[in-house]
Amino acid sequence: MQLNKSKTISIRPISPFNFDATFFKPDHFTTDDHIYEKGVRWQTMNWEGQMLGIKYEDASPGIKVTVFSIQEPTFEFIESLKNEIIYRYNLNLDLDEFYKLAIKDKLLDIAINELIGMRPGHPSSLYEYLIIGIILQNASVRRSIQMFRNLLSNYGTELEFDGKKLLCLWDIGRFSKIDEQELRDLKIGYRAKSIIKIDQQFSQGLINEFELRGKDLITQKKTLLALYGVGPATVWYLLFDVFHHWEVFEHISPWEHKLYSRLFFNKELLPVEKLMKYINKFGKYKHLAVHYLWEKMWWDRHNGTTFDWLEKEIRI
């Protein structure tokens, strides 16, 4: 699908703002729906039933957003898209209070000085995030990447815009007439059933992301846990990335247990209780604090620092 129409949007985030650390997360696994270069990100997006190509450019102190589409977008469509981009990437987030708290911790203060202005942004809708979450279950990073690429290449749509060719996520309801075995043949295993069930719950209107955003934390958590194949570990990631609860940090997986021990204390393996005690001291910003520490490690790796213990765990 060639996207020949384009519209430019200007967005001015609350200062300070770090474009690269917001629009590129080195810890997110690479898929064929985006390309990142310093100061630029190309991303596909399925928004309000339209498949779009989006180019984000650093235009400090603002952001230049070019929207590529197959048909001329209306003013209302562009406004809703602009508001969604601001929401997903937390461009109106005031970080001053958090930064004042962080000065009290040397490790976090260093991370903030290197990544100042970074927002905990994520490009995905709740539906897409759930699909990714299912793919990540009980799999190495390398295998998760392959599974998601298999899904995108078989059920997504290739979009051509701004000289790039990228895959765009399918419409909700795409798997309503797909047999589970067809998905299993893509080597995604038991996750096939979960993907079909999640797709069904969204297509039948049993869950609405935008209504859920307006609910309280307890309601959000209860609703997410009721989704097929979604467990507590996935839920608290959702509460942070999709629903922007900086205070929610309730679970450390065995994989993260090893990494946090190294990251926080440079030890091979420490009791979870000790790790949680360190995290909890950041109060209502504890997950945001971990995000900064985590992203600093991945940016260091992206910029050439070698962590032998990390490479053994991610196995890309």
Protein backbone atom coordinates (compact mmCIF):
# COMPACT_ATOMS: atom_id res chain seq x y z
CA MET A 1 0.00 0.00 0.00
CA GLN A 2 1.54 3.31 -1.08
CA LEU A 3 0.81 6.28 1.18
CA ASN A 4 0.98 9.37 -1.03
CA LYS A 5 -0.88 11.89 1.13
CA SER A 6 0.96 13.67 3.91
CA LYS A 7 0.18 16.11 6.70
CA THR A 8 2.61 17.75 9.12
CA ILE A 9 1.97 18.23 12.84
CA SER A 10 4.07 20.24 15.28
CA ILE A 11 4.18 19.19 18.93
CA ARG A 12 5.95 21.05 21.74
CA PRO A 13 6.62 18.72 24.70
CA ILE A 14 7.03 20.04 28.22
CA SER A 15 10.70 20.88 28.81
CA PRO A 16 13.15 19.24 29.31
CA PHE A 17 12.69 16.79 26.47
CA ASN A 18 14.97 14.10 25.07
CA PHE A 19 13.82 13.05 21.60
CA ASP A 20 16.05 10.02 21.05
CA ALA A 21 15.60 8.48 24.51
CA THR A 22 11.82 8.90 24.21
CA PHE A 23 11.30 7.65 20.67
CA PHE A 24 13.84 4.85 20.78
CA LYS A 25 14.05 2.27 23.56
CA PRO A 26 17.04 -0.03 22.96
CA ASP A 27 15.46 -2.69 25.18
CA HIS A 28 12.38 -3.01 22.95
CA PHE A 29 12.84 -5.87 20.50
CA THR A 30 13.26 -4.92 16.87
CA THR A 31 10.37 -5.58 14.49
CA ASP A 32 9.60 -4.60 10.92
CA ASP A 33 7.10 -1.87 11.82
CA HIS A 34 9.65 0.86 12.54
CA ILE A 35 13.10 2.23 11.73
CA TYR A 36 15.12 4.47 14.02
CA GLU A 37 18.05 6.73 13.21
CA LYS A 38 19.38 9.45 15.46
CA GLY A 39 16.83 12.26 15.48
CA VAL A 40 14.30 10.36 13.32
CA ARG A 41 11.84 7.49 13.76
CA TRP A 42 9.64 5.98 11.07
CA GLN A 43 6.69 4.05 12.48
CA THR A 44 3.52 2.46 11.14
CA MET A 45 0.28 2.87 13.05
CA ASN A 46 -3.24 1.53 12.68
CA TRP A 47 -5.40 4.39 13.95
CA GLU A 48 -9.19 4.71 13.71
CA GLY A 49 -9.32 2.13 10.94
CA GLN A 50 -6.60 3.75 8.83
CA MET A 51 -3.10 2.40 8.26
CA LEU A 52 -0.60 5.21 8.58
CA GLY A 53 3.07 5.85 8.16
CA ILE A 54 4.46 8.32 10.67
CA LYS A 55 7.80 10.10 10.63
CA TYR A 56 8.92 11.66 13.90
CA GLU A 57 11.76 14.19 13.67
CA ASP A 58 13.69 16.02 16.34
CA ALA A 59 12.94 19.71 15.84
CA SER A 60 14.20 20.89 19.22
CA PRO A 61 12.54 22.17 21.33
CA GLY A 62 9.64 20.55 19.49
CA ILE A 63 8.82 17.53 17.36
CA LYS A 64 7.93 17.50 13.68
CA VAL A 65 5.46 14.72 12.90
CA THR A 66 4.66 13.87 9.28
CA VAL A 67 1.62 11.65 8.79
CA PHE A 68 1.44 9.63 5.58
CA SER A 69 -1.91 8.18 4.52
CA ILE A 70 -3.73 6.74 1.53
CA GLN A 71 -6.43 9.39 1.69
CA GLU A 72 -6.48 13.03 2.75
CA PRO A 73 -6.96 13.09 6.54
CA THR A 74 -9.60 15.34 8.05
CA PHE A 75 -8.82 18.00 10.66
CA GLU A 76 -10.64 15.95 13.30
CA PHE A 77 -8.63 12.84 12.43
CA ILE A 78 -5.31 14.70 12.70
CA GLU A 79 -6.31 16.24 16.03
CA SER A 80 -7.27 12.87 17.51
CA LEU A 81 -4.02 11.36 16.23
CA LYS A 82 -1.98 14.25 17.68
CA ASN A 83 -3.62 13.79 21.08
CA GLU A 84 -2.91 10.06 20.94
CA ILE A 85 0.77 10.62 20.13
CA ILE A 86 1.03 13.06 23.05
CA TYR A 87 -0.60 10.47 25.31
CA ARG A 88 1.42 7.42 24.20
CA TYR A 89 4.75 9.21 24.49
CA ASN A 90 3.87 11.23 27.61
CA LEU A 91 4.82 14.48 25.94
CA ASN A 92 2.93 16.55 28.53
CA LEU A 93 4.57 14.80 31.49
CA ASP A 94 6.15 17.21 33.99
CA LEU A 95 9.25 15.49 35.38
CA ASP A 96 10.40 18.21 37.83
CA GLU A 97 9.11 16.55 41.02
CA PHE A 98 10.57 13.20 40.04
CA TYR A 99 13.95 14.74 39.26
CA LYS A 100 14.09 16.47 42.65
CA LEU A 101 13.45 13.12 44.33
CA ALA A 102 16.12 11.42 42.23
CA ILE A 103 18.94 13.66 43.48
CA LYS A 104 18.85 11.68 46.74
CA ASP A 105 20.00 8.50 44.96
CA LYS A 106 23.42 8.55 43.28
CA LEU A 107 22.68 5.77 40.81
CA LEU A 108 19.41 7.30 39.63
CA ASP A 109 20.88 10.80 39.54
CA ILE A 110 23.56 9.60 37.12
CA ALA A 111 20.94 7.95 34.89
CA ILE A 112 18.85 11.11 34.79
CA ASN A 113 21.82 13.32 33.97
CA GLU A 114 22.53 11.12 30.95
CA LEU A 115 18.90 10.76 29.82
CA ILE A 116 17.34 13.99 31.09
CA GLY A 117 14.02 14.67 29.38
CA MET A 118 13.35 11.02 28.52
CA ARG A 119 9.70 10.00 28.63
CA PRO A 120 8.44 6.44 29.23
CA GLY A 121 6.85 6.36 25.78
CA HIS A 122 5.46 3.36 23.92
CA PRO A 123 4.15 3.27 20.32
CA SER A 124 1.53 0.56 20.79
CA SER A 125 -2.17 0.44 21.51
CA LEU A 126 -3.41 -1.77 24.34
CA TYR A 127 -4.40 -4.42 21.78
CA GLU A 128 -0.98 -4.44 20.13
CA TYR A 129 0.80 -4.41 23.49
CA LEU A 130 -1.18 -7.48 24.58
CA ILE A 131 -0.19 -9.34 21.42
CA ILE A 132 3.45 -8.47 22.09
CA GLY A 133 3.07 -9.51 25.72
CA ILE A 134 1.74 -12.91 24.69
CA ILE A 135 4.62 -13.36 22.24
CA LEU A 136 7.13 -12.59 25.00
CA GLN A 137 5.80 -15.29 27.32
CA ASN A 138 8.33 -18.02 28.11
CA ALA A 139 10.56 -17.24 25.14
CA SER A 140 14.01 -15.83 24.48
CA VAL A 141 14.23 -12.38 22.89
CA ARG A 142 15.40 -13.94 19.63
CA ARG A 143 12.41 -16.28 19.48
CA SER A 144 9.96 -13.51 20.42
CA ILE A 145 11.29 -11.34 17.58
CA GLN A 146 10.86 -14.17 15.10
CA MET A 147 7.31 -14.96 16.24
CA PHE A 148 6.16 -11.35 15.98
CA ARG A 149 7.78 -10.97 12.57
CA ASN A 150 5.98 -14.10 11.41
CA LEU A 151 2.67 -12.62 12.52
CA LEU A 152 3.32 -9.23 10.92
CA SER A 153 4.51 -10.65 7.63
CA ASN A 154 1.53 -13.00 7.35
CA TYR A 155 -1.30 -10.81 8.66
CA GLY A 156 -0.03 -7.24 8.52
CA THR A 157 0.12 -4.87 5.55
CA GLU A 158 3.26 -3.48 3.94
CA LEU A 159 3.16 0.30 3.74
CA GLU A 160 5.44 2.39 1.54
CA PHE A 161 6.05 5.99 2.62
CA ASP A 162 8.93 8.46 2.69
CA GLY A 163 11.14 5.99 0.85
CA LYS A 164 10.59 3.27 3.48
CA LYS A 165 8.72 -0.04 3.41
CA LEU A 166 7.38 -1.14 6.79
CA LEU A 167 4.72 -3.53 8.02
CA CYS A 168 1.59 -2.27 9.76
CA LEU A 169 -0.48 -4.13 12.33
CA TRP A 170 -3.69 -5.78 11.18
CA ASP A 171 -7.20 -4.59 12.08
CA ILE A 172 -8.79 -5.84 15.27
CA GLY A 173 -10.89 -8.90 14.39
CA ARG A 174 -8.31 -10.16 11.92
CA PHE A 175 -8.28 -13.61 13.53
CA SER A 176 -12.04 -14.09 13.77
CA LYS A 177 -11.98 -16.63 10.96
CA ILE A 178 -8.46 -17.93 11.44
CA ASP A 179 -8.01 -21.49 12.64
CA GLU A 180 -5.74 -21.93 15.65
CA GLN A 181 -3.62 -24.45 13.76
CA GLU A 182 -2.85 -21.84 11.10
CA LEU A 183 -1.21 -19.70 13.78
CA ARG A 184 0.54 -22.67 15.32
CA ASP A 185 2.06 -23.39 11.92
CA LEU A 186 3.89 -20.05 12.30
CA LYS A 187 5.72 -21.64 15.22
CA ILE A 188 4.09 -19.58 17.96
CA GLY A 189 2.91 -22.63 19.91
CA TYR A 190 0.29 -22.38 22.66
CA ARG A 191 0.22 -18.57 22.22
CA ALA A 192 -2.01 -19.06 19.15
CA LYS A 193 -5.06 -19.67 21.33
CA SER A 194 -4.35 -16.60 23.48
CA ILE A 195 -3.96 -14.34 20.44
CA ILE A 196 -7.25 -15.50 18.94
CA LYS A 197 -9.05 -15.06 22.27
CA ILE A 198 -7.64 -11.55 22.83
CA ASP A 199 -8.57 -10.54 19.28
CA GLN A 200 -12.08 -11.85 19.89
CA GLN A 201 -12.51 -9.96 23.18
CA PHE A 202 -11.55 -6.67 21.51
CA SER A 203 -13.58 -7.22 18.33
CA GLN A 204 -16.68 -8.04 20.39
CA GLY A 205 -16.27 -4.83 22.39
CA LEU A 206 -15.66 -6.63 25.67
CA ILE A 207 -12.79 -4.25 26.37
CA ASN A 208 -12.30 -0.63 25.32
CA GLU A 209 -8.89 0.92 25.88
CA PHE A 210 -10.12 4.51 25.92
CA GLU A 211 -12.87 3.85 28.45
CA LEU A 212 -10.40 1.92 30.60
CA ARG A 213 -7.98 4.86 30.66
CA GLY A 214 -10.54 6.82 32.65
CA LYS A 215 -11.03 4.14 35.30
CA ASP A 216 -9.23 3.84 38.65
CA LEU A 217 -6.20 1.61 39.13
CA ILE A 218 -8.10 -1.23 40.82
CA THR A 219 -10.67 -1.39 38.00
CA GLN A 220 -7.96 -1.30 35.36
CA LYS A 221 -6.04 -4.11 37.03
CA LYS A 222 -9.16 -6.26 37.48
CA THR A 223 -10.22 -5.74 33.85
CA LEU A 224 -6.79 -6.61 32.47
CA LEU A 225 -6.47 -9.73 34.61
CA ALA A 226 -9.82 -10.92 33.23
CA LEU A 227 -8.38 -11.02 29.71
CA TYR A 228 -7.54 -14.46 28.39
CA GLY A 229 -3.92 -15.48 28.86
CA VAL A 230 -2.92 -12.30 30.73
CA GLY A 231 -1.17 -12.73 34.06
CA PRO A 232 0.06 -10.37 36.81
CA ALA A 233 3.50 -9.88 35.24
CA THR A 234 2.00 -8.60 31.96
CA VAL A 235 -0.56 -6.47 33.80
CA TRP A 236 1.88 -4.34 35.71
CA TYR A 237 3.83 -3.66 32.51
CA LEU A 238 0.54 -2.56 30.95
CA LEU A 239 -0.27 -0.33 33.90
CA PHE A 240 3.04 1.46 33.40
CA ASP A 241 3.43 1.61 29.61
CA VAL A 242 -0.19 1.91 28.51
CA PHE A 243 -1.95 3.47 31.51
CA HIS A 244 0.92 5.54 32.92
CA HIS A 245 0.96 4.47 36.56
CA TRP A 246 4.46 5.38 37.71
CA GLU A 247 3.85 3.98 41.19
CA VAL A 248 3.02 0.38 40.24
CA PHE A 249 5.89 -2.06 40.66
CA GLU A 250 4.76 -5.34 42.14
CA HIS A 251 6.66 -8.13 40.44
CA ILE A 252 10.21 -9.15 39.59
CA SER A 253 10.47 -12.06 37.17
CA PRO A 254 13.31 -14.60 37.46
CA TRP A 255 14.93 -13.06 34.36
CA GLU A 256 14.72 -9.52 35.78
CA HIS A 257 15.86 -10.78 39.18
CA LYS A 258 19.31 -11.46 37.75
CA LEU A 259 19.48 -8.18 35.85
CA TYR A 260 18.27 -5.97 38.71
CA SER A 261 20.80 -7.56 41.08
CA ARG A 262 23.54 -6.51 38.68
CA LEU A 263 22.00 -3.18 37.79
CA PHE A 264 21.30 -1.91 41.31
CA PHE A 265 24.08 -3.55 43.35
CA ASN A 266 26.50 -5.17 40.85
CA LYS A 267 25.91 -8.53 42.51
CA GLU A 268 25.13 -11.85 40.82
CA LEU A 269 21.87 -12.61 42.66
CA LEU A 270 20.34 -10.84 45.64
CA PRO A 271 17.12 -11.55 47.55
CA VAL A 272 14.04 -10.11 45.87
CA GLU A 273 13.18 -8.42 49.18
CA LYS A 274 16.37 -6.38 49.04
CA LEU A 275 15.70 -5.34 45.44
CA MET A 276 12.12 -4.32 46.27
CA LYS A 277 13.31 -2.33 49.29
CA TYR A 278 15.57 -0.31 47.01
CA ILE A 279 12.80 0.19 44.44
CA ASN A 280 10.12 1.08 46.99
CA LYS A 281 12.08 4.03 48.34
CA PHE A 282 11.12 5.95 45.20
CA GLY A 283 7.46 5.91 46.30
CA LYS A 284 4.94 7.08 43.71
CA TYR A 285 7.71 7.21 41.08
CA LYS A 286 9.23 3.77 41.70
CA HIS A 287 8.49 2.28 38.30
CA LEU A 288 9.62 5.47 36.58
CA ALA A 289 12.88 5.29 38.57
CA VAL A 290 13.46 1.69 37.46
CA HIS A 291 12.68 2.74 33.88
CA TYR A 292 15.47 5.35 33.96
CA LEU A 293 17.99 2.93 35.47
CA TRP A 294 16.99 0.19 33.03
CA GLU A 295 17.11 2.44 29.97
CA LYS A 296 20.52 3.83 30.91
CA MET A 297 21.92 0.29 30.88
CA TRP A 298 20.43 -0.40 27.45
CA TRP A 299 21.59 2.93 26.04
CA ASP A 300 25.09 2.20 27.34
CA ARG A 301 24.94 -1.15 25.52
CA HIS A 302 23.59 0.58 22.38
CA ASN A 303 26.54 2.98 22.50
CA GLY A 304 29.12 0.21 22.74
CA THR A 305 29.47 -0.77 26.39
CA THR A 306 29.69 -4.56 26.81
CA PHE A 307 27.84 -6.33 29.62
CA ASP A 308 28.75 -10.01 29.43
CA TRP A 309 26.12 -10.94 32.02
CA LEU A 310 23.42 -9.15 30.00
CA GLU A 311 24.34 -10.83 26.73
CA LYS A 312 23.99 -14.23 28.36
CA GLU A 313 20.41 -13.41 29.36
CA ILE A 314 19.00 -11.74 26.25
CA ARG A 315 20.48 -14.15 23.68
CA ILE A 316 19.61 -12.07 20.62
